[in-house]
Amino acid sequence: MKYFVIANPASGRGKSAEKIPLIEETLRSYALDFQLVQTNEPGHAIKLAEQAAREGYDIVVAVGGDGTINEVLNGIMLSYPDSSSRPALGIISIGTGNDLAYGLEQEQNIETACKLIAKSTRRKIDMGHIVTDDLPEGRYFANGLGIGFDAAGGILAEKIKWPRGFLAYLIAALQNIFLYYQAPTLQIIMDGETIEMPTLLISVMNGRRIGGGFMTAPEAFIDDGLFDLCIAEEVSRPRMLTLLPRFVQGTQFNEPEVQMKRTNKLQVNVLKGSMPIHTDGEIICSASKKATIEILPLSLEIIG
C-alpha cells in the first residue's frame, strides 16, 4: 500500500506547519510506505494529487483544512474518469473549520486520523460538482457549497488573522451584516420548481456544517445521493442578527424566511446583482451570473 501525503503548511492561519513533523513521526510509527510533499501555493495540491493518482498511489492523504482537502479531492477526481481507478482520499484535518471531518464523524486529532489511515477502512461518499459562467471547467466539492451571504463572509474571514476557527467566521458574519452584504435577486430551478426572490443565501450541502459551526444542514447524509439545501430570503439587518444563532443551532428550518429542500441537481441564475460562491470554504467565484450544481453519487472513496 503506497501513500502520498500532501500537507499545506499555511492551513489554520499557518499553524499547521508546526504539526507536520508530528504527523510524519506518527505515520512512520505505523510503518507506512509514504511520501510527504508540502504545498507552496494555491492550486498546488490539485496538481500533486492528480499526479500521485496517475503514478499509482493507493491513497492520497490531505493534511490541512477543508480548502486543502478540496484541492486534493479535485486532483483525485480529475485523474481518471472511472472512479474505480482513482485512489482513496485520506484526511488529517488541522485547518480552521474542519467541517468535512465533522460530517464524516471523524475525531479531529492527529493520532486518531493517522490510525484511521493506517487501518485503511474505506467507504464511498457523494461528490458535488459546480459549473459556472466564469468557471466553465467546473469544481468538485465534498462538504458543501455556498452562494451569497456565507461566501461573502468567507472572503472577509480569510482576512482575519486572529482569532481562528468558528469565531473568525462569526466575526466575519457580523461584519458582513453591518457593512457589506447586498442580497442578489436569484432564480433557483430544481425538480420542476422555480423560485425567484432576493436571496440572502443558498447552502448546497453534502455534509452538515460550514464555517466551523454553522449547522446549515443538520439532517444531511454524505452518501444518500442528495443535496440538502438551505435557502434564505433577503431580510433586514436586525432580522439577520436574530437568525444567526438559529443557523449555529441548526434550528433555522422553523423560520418563515428559510426553506429546506433536497435535490440532486439545481440551476441558479442571477436576475439582479451577482453571486459570490465558495466550495468547501474556498472562494471560487466572486461575481458569477449562472451556476449548475449536481451531485455525483458515491463517486469518491474515502478513508474512515
Protein backbone atom coordinates (compact mmCIF):
# COMPACT_ATOMS: atom_id res chain seq x y z
CA MET A 1 0.00 0.00 0.00
CA LYS A 2 1.53 3.29 -1.14
CA TYR A 3 0.53 6.61 0.42
CA PHE A 4 1.10 10.08 -0.99
CA VAL A 5 0.69 12.76 1.69
CA ILE A 6 0.01 16.36 0.67
CA ALA A 7 0.48 18.84 3.54
CA ASN A 8 -0.40 22.52 3.44
CA PRO A 9 1.82 24.43 5.91
CA ALA A 10 -0.38 27.54 5.50
CA SER A 11 -3.58 25.87 6.77
CA GLY A 12 -5.04 27.04 10.07
CA ARG A 13 -3.62 30.52 9.53
CA GLY A 14 -0.15 28.97 9.26
CA LYS A 15 -0.38 26.95 12.48
CA SER A 16 -0.36 23.61 10.66
CA ALA A 17 3.32 23.93 9.68
CA GLU A 18 4.44 23.11 13.22
CA LYS A 19 2.29 19.96 13.23
CA ILE A 20 3.72 18.38 10.09
CA PRO A 21 6.79 16.80 11.81
CA LEU A 22 4.47 15.12 14.35
CA ILE A 23 2.29 13.80 11.51
CA GLU A 24 5.34 12.34 9.75
CA GLU A 25 6.51 10.72 13.00
CA THR A 26 3.07 9.26 13.70
CA LEU A 27 2.68 7.83 10.19
CA ARG A 28 6.15 6.25 10.46
CA SER A 29 5.12 4.62 13.75
CA TYR A 30 2.58 2.62 11.72
CA ALA A 31 5.32 1.53 9.29
CA LEU A 32 3.51 3.07 6.32
CA ASP A 33 5.12 3.42 2.90
CA PHE A 34 4.53 7.11 2.27
CA GLN A 35 5.93 10.19 0.61
CA LEU A 36 5.07 13.61 2.05
CA VAL A 37 5.17 16.79 -0.02
CA GLN A 38 4.28 20.29 1.19
CA THR A 39 2.33 22.71 -0.98
CA ASN A 40 3.74 26.12 -1.81
CA GLU A 41 0.88 28.00 -3.49
CA PRO A 42 -2.90 27.89 -4.07
CA GLY A 43 -3.82 25.13 -6.53
CA HIS A 44 -0.61 23.18 -5.92
CA ALA A 45 -2.42 20.38 -4.09
CA ILE A 46 -4.66 19.76 -7.13
CA LYS A 47 -1.65 19.16 -9.34
CA LEU A 48 0.12 17.00 -6.75
CA ALA A 49 -2.96 14.82 -6.14
CA GLU A 50 -3.65 14.29 -9.83
CA GLN A 51 0.00 13.36 -10.43
CA ALA A 52 0.01 10.96 -7.45
CA ALA A 53 -3.14 9.27 -8.73
CA ARG A 54 -1.65 8.76 -12.17
CA GLU A 55 1.56 7.40 -10.63
CA GLY A 56 -0.41 4.62 -8.96
CA TYR A 57 -0.55 5.66 -5.32
CA ASP A 58 -3.27 3.76 -3.47
CA ILE A 59 -4.20 6.51 -1.01
CA VAL A 60 -3.69 10.27 -1.27
CA VAL A 61 -3.80 11.99 2.11
CA ALA A 62 -4.72 15.66 2.56
CA VAL A 63 -3.16 17.37 5.58
CA GLY A 64 -4.70 20.77 6.26
CA GLY A 65 -8.11 22.40 6.35
CA ASP A 66 -11.20 21.99 4.23
CA GLY A 67 -9.65 24.08 1.45
CA THR A 68 -6.64 21.76 1.21
CA ILE A 69 -8.91 18.71 1.24
CA ASN A 70 -10.97 20.30 -1.54
CA GLU A 71 -7.89 20.77 -3.71
CA VAL A 72 -6.72 17.20 -3.12
CA LEU A 73 -10.10 15.65 -3.92
CA ASN A 74 -10.29 17.78 -7.09
CA GLY A 75 -6.95 16.34 -8.18
CA ILE A 76 -8.16 12.81 -7.46
CA MET A 77 -11.45 13.35 -9.30
CA LEU A 78 -9.64 14.82 -12.31
CA SER A 79 -7.16 11.93 -12.54
CA TYR A 80 -9.42 9.25 -14.04
CA PRO A 81 -12.97 9.32 -15.45
CA ASP A 82 -13.56 5.85 -13.99
CA SER A 83 -13.99 6.05 -10.19
CA SER A 84 -12.64 2.51 -9.73
CA SER A 85 -9.21 3.66 -10.96
CA ARG A 86 -8.90 6.57 -8.56
CA PRO A 87 -7.01 6.36 -5.26
CA ALA A 88 -8.84 6.76 -1.97
CA LEU A 89 -8.74 10.02 -0.06
CA GLY A 90 -7.39 10.18 3.49
CA ILE A 91 -7.72 13.30 5.62
CA ILE A 92 -5.83 14.74 8.57
CA SER A 93 -7.82 17.84 9.48
CA ILE A 94 -5.69 20.56 11.03
CA GLY A 95 -7.32 23.61 9.49
CA THR A 96 -9.69 26.35 10.61
CA GLY A 97 -13.17 24.91 10.08
CA ASN A 98 -12.62 21.14 9.65
CA ASP A 99 -16.24 20.76 8.55
CA LEU A 100 -15.80 17.69 6.34
CA ALA A 101 -14.26 15.72 9.21
CA TYR A 102 -17.24 16.75 11.34
CA GLY A 103 -19.67 15.50 8.69
CA LEU A 104 -17.78 12.21 8.48
CA GLU A 105 -17.94 11.95 12.29
CA GLN A 106 -14.17 11.65 12.47
CA GLU A 107 -12.29 12.77 15.57
CA GLN A 108 -10.11 15.75 14.76
CA ASN A 109 -6.76 14.84 16.25
CA ILE A 110 -3.57 13.68 14.60
CA GLU A 111 -3.22 10.32 16.37
CA THR A 112 -6.76 9.18 15.55
CA ALA A 113 -6.54 10.39 11.94
CA CYS A 114 -3.23 8.57 11.36
CA LYS A 115 -4.61 5.41 12.92
CA LEU A 116 -7.61 5.51 10.54
CA ILE A 117 -5.31 5.98 7.57
CA ALA A 118 -3.15 3.05 8.66
CA LYS A 119 -6.22 0.80 9.01
CA SER A 120 -7.36 1.88 5.53
CA THR A 121 -11.03 1.16 6.17
CA ARG A 122 -12.86 2.63 3.20
CA ARG A 123 -16.30 3.98 2.38
CA LYS A 124 -17.78 5.78 -0.60
CA ILE A 125 -19.26 9.25 -0.38
CA ASP A 126 -21.09 11.56 -2.77
CA MET A 127 -19.34 14.41 -4.54
CA GLY A 128 -20.83 17.70 -5.65
CA HIS A 129 -19.85 19.41 -8.89
CA ILE A 130 -20.48 23.00 -9.99
CA VAL A 131 -20.06 24.71 -13.36
CA THR A 132 -20.46 28.50 -13.66
CA ASP A 133 -20.27 31.03 -16.46
CA ASP A 134 -16.85 32.18 -15.19
CA LEU A 135 -15.65 28.68 -14.18
CA PRO A 136 -16.62 26.52 -17.19
CA GLU A 137 -14.17 23.74 -16.26
CA GLY A 138 -16.09 23.26 -13.01
CA ARG A 139 -15.13 22.38 -9.46
CA TYR A 140 -15.81 19.39 -7.20
CA PHE A 141 -16.73 19.66 -3.54
CA ALA A 142 -17.27 17.20 -0.71
CA ASN A 143 -18.82 19.06 2.21
CA GLY A 144 -20.80 21.96 0.82
CA LEU A 145 -21.17 24.93 -1.44
CA GLY A 146 -22.40 28.38 -0.50
CA ILE A 147 -23.89 31.14 -2.62
CA GLY A 148 -24.37 34.64 -1.29
CA PHE A 149 -24.01 35.65 2.33
CA ASP A 150 -21.82 32.80 3.60
CA ALA A 151 -19.48 33.04 0.57
CA ALA A 152 -19.16 36.80 1.06
CA GLY A 153 -18.48 36.14 4.74
CA GLY A 154 -15.79 33.65 3.76
CA ILE A 155 -13.99 36.37 1.80
CA LEU A 156 -13.94 38.51 4.96
CA ALA A 157 -12.93 35.58 7.19
CA GLU A 158 -9.82 34.98 5.08
CA LYS A 159 -8.60 38.45 6.08
CA ILE A 160 -8.99 37.81 9.82
CA LYS A 161 -5.66 36.64 11.26
CA TRP A 162 -6.89 36.25 14.82
CA PRO A 163 -8.97 34.66 16.25
CA ARG A 164 -9.17 31.45 14.26
CA GLY A 165 -11.84 28.80 13.72
CA PHE A 166 -15.55 29.36 14.22
CA LEU A 167 -15.04 32.69 16.00
CA ALA A 168 -13.31 34.12 12.91
CA TYR A 169 -16.28 33.10 10.75
CA LEU A 170 -18.71 34.55 13.30
CA ILE A 171 -16.88 37.90 13.32
CA ALA A 172 -16.89 37.88 9.51
CA ALA A 173 -20.64 37.18 9.51
CA LEU A 174 -21.26 40.15 11.80
CA GLN A 175 -19.07 42.40 9.65
CA ASN A 176 -20.99 41.23 6.62
CA ILE A 177 -24.34 42.03 8.22
CA PHE A 178 -23.47 45.58 9.16
CA LEU A 179 -21.07 46.71 6.46
CA TYR A 180 -21.14 44.86 3.20
CA TYR A 181 -23.75 42.42 2.06
CA GLN A 182 -26.36 43.25 -0.59
CA ALA A 183 -28.62 40.31 -1.47
CA PRO A 184 -28.90 39.48 -5.19
CA THR A 185 -32.19 38.51 -6.81
CA LEU A 186 -31.79 34.87 -7.85
CA GLN A 187 -33.74 32.33 -9.86
CA ILE A 188 -33.41 28.80 -8.47
CA ILE A 189 -34.59 25.92 -10.68
CA MET A 190 -34.84 22.33 -9.41
CA ASP A 191 -37.14 19.33 -9.81
CA GLY A 192 -39.62 21.29 -11.92
CA GLU A 193 -39.84 24.10 -9.35
CA THR A 194 -38.70 27.70 -9.89
CA ILE A 195 -38.05 30.13 -7.03
CA GLU A 196 -37.34 33.80 -7.75
CA MET A 197 -36.53 36.18 -4.91
CA PRO A 198 -33.92 38.44 -3.34
CA THR A 199 -31.81 35.75 -1.71
CA LEU A 200 -29.72 36.03 1.43
CA LEU A 201 -28.01 32.68 0.92
CA ILE A 202 -28.16 29.26 -0.65
CA SER A 203 -26.25 26.48 1.10
CA VAL A 204 -25.93 23.36 -1.04
CA MET A 205 -24.84 20.77 1.48
CA ASN A 206 -23.47 17.26 1.27
CA GLY A 207 -22.19 17.43 4.85
CA ARG A 208 -23.88 19.13 7.79
CA ARG A 209 -21.81 22.14 8.83
CA ILE A 210 -19.93 25.09 7.34
CA GLY A 211 -17.70 27.80 8.81
CA GLY A 212 -16.66 25.65 11.74
CA GLY A 213 -20.04 25.89 13.48
CA PHE A 214 -22.96 26.92 11.25
CA MET A 215 -25.34 23.94 11.03
CA THR A 216 -26.93 24.70 7.68
CA ALA A 217 -27.94 21.07 7.05
CA PRO A 218 -28.17 19.23 10.38
CA GLU A 219 -30.02 16.26 8.84
CA ALA A 220 -27.76 15.73 5.81
CA PHE A 221 -26.09 12.44 4.93
CA ILE A 222 -22.93 12.42 2.86
CA ASP A 223 -23.81 9.24 0.97
CA ASP A 224 -27.56 9.47 0.20
CA GLY A 225 -27.32 10.82 -3.35
CA LEU A 226 -29.00 14.11 -2.45
CA PHE A 227 -28.03 17.65 -1.55
CA ASP A 228 -29.65 19.24 1.48
CA LEU A 229 -30.46 22.84 0.57
CA CYS A 230 -30.89 25.76 2.92
CA ILE A 231 -32.38 28.76 1.10
CA ALA A 232 -32.96 32.03 2.95
CA GLU A 233 -34.67 35.09 1.51
CA GLU A 234 -33.44 38.64 1.98
CA VAL A 235 -34.19 40.02 5.45
CA SER A 236 -33.45 43.21 7.39
CA ARG A 237 -30.19 43.58 9.32
CA PRO A 238 -31.93 43.23 12.71
CA ARG A 239 -33.58 40.05 11.45
CA MET A 240 -30.18 38.73 10.29
CA LEU A 241 -28.96 39.09 13.85
CA THR A 242 -31.87 37.04 15.22
CA LEU A 243 -31.43 34.38 12.51
CA LEU A 244 -27.69 33.96 13.06
CA PRO A 245 -27.98 31.89 16.28
CA ARG A 246 -30.60 29.68 14.58
CA PHE A 247 -28.01 28.71 11.97
CA VAL A 248 -25.49 27.93 14.72
CA GLN A 249 -28.05 25.73 16.49
CA GLY A 250 -29.36 24.14 13.30
CA THR A 251 -32.95 25.25 14.02
CA GLN A 252 -33.39 27.68 11.10
CA PHE A 253 -35.90 25.38 9.37
CA ASN A 254 -38.56 26.70 11.76
CA GLU A 255 -38.15 30.27 10.47
CA PRO A 256 -40.56 31.61 7.80
CA GLU A 257 -37.77 33.15 5.68
CA VAL A 258 -35.92 29.82 5.36
CA GLN A 259 -36.69 26.88 3.08
CA MET A 260 -35.07 23.46 3.48
CA LYS A 261 -35.15 21.19 0.43
CA ARG A 262 -33.48 18.11 -1.06
CA THR A 263 -32.45 17.63 -4.67
CA ASN A 264 -29.73 16.06 -6.82
CA LYS A 265 -29.38 18.96 -9.25
CA LEU A 266 -30.18 22.67 -9.39
CA GLN A 267 -29.52 25.71 -11.52
CA VAL A 268 -29.10 29.22 -10.16
CA ASN A 269 -29.37 32.31 -12.35
CA VAL A 270 -28.76 35.90 -11.29
CA LEU A 271 -31.62 38.26 -12.16
CA LYS A 272 -30.11 41.24 -10.35
CA GLY A 273 -26.71 41.71 -8.73
CA SER A 274 -24.07 38.96 -8.62
CA MET A 275 -23.29 35.93 -6.51
CA PRO A 276 -20.05 35.01 -4.76
CA ILE A 277 -19.61 31.24 -4.44
CA HIS A 278 -17.49 29.02 -2.21
CA THR A 279 -16.84 25.30 -2.36
CA ASP A 280 -15.78 23.70 0.93
CA GLY A 281 -14.96 27.17 2.25
CA GLU A 282 -12.76 28.22 -0.68
CA ILE A 283 -13.95 31.14 -2.81
CA ILE A 284 -14.11 30.00 -6.45
CA CYS A 285 -16.12 32.88 -7.95
CA SER A 286 -16.89 36.40 -6.77
CA ALA A 287 -19.41 37.59 -9.37
CA SER A 288 -20.98 34.66 -11.22
CA LYS A 289 -24.25 35.07 -13.13
CA LYS A 290 -25.18 31.42 -13.70
CA ALA A 291 -24.36 28.12 -11.96
CA THR A 292 -25.34 24.48 -12.46
CA ILE A 293 -24.77 22.18 -9.48
CA GLU A 294 -25.23 18.41 -9.41
CA ILE A 295 -24.42 15.50 -7.14
CA LEU A 296 -22.27 12.53 -8.20
CA PRO A 297 -23.43 9.63 -6.02
CA LEU A 298 -20.78 7.52 -4.26
CA SER A 299 -18.06 8.77 -6.60
CA LEU A 300 -15.17 9.12 -4.12
CA GLU A 301 -13.65 6.50 -1.87
CA ILE A 302 -12.55 7.92 1.46
CA ILE A 303 -10.68 6.51 4.44
CA GLY A 304 -12.69 6.35 7.65
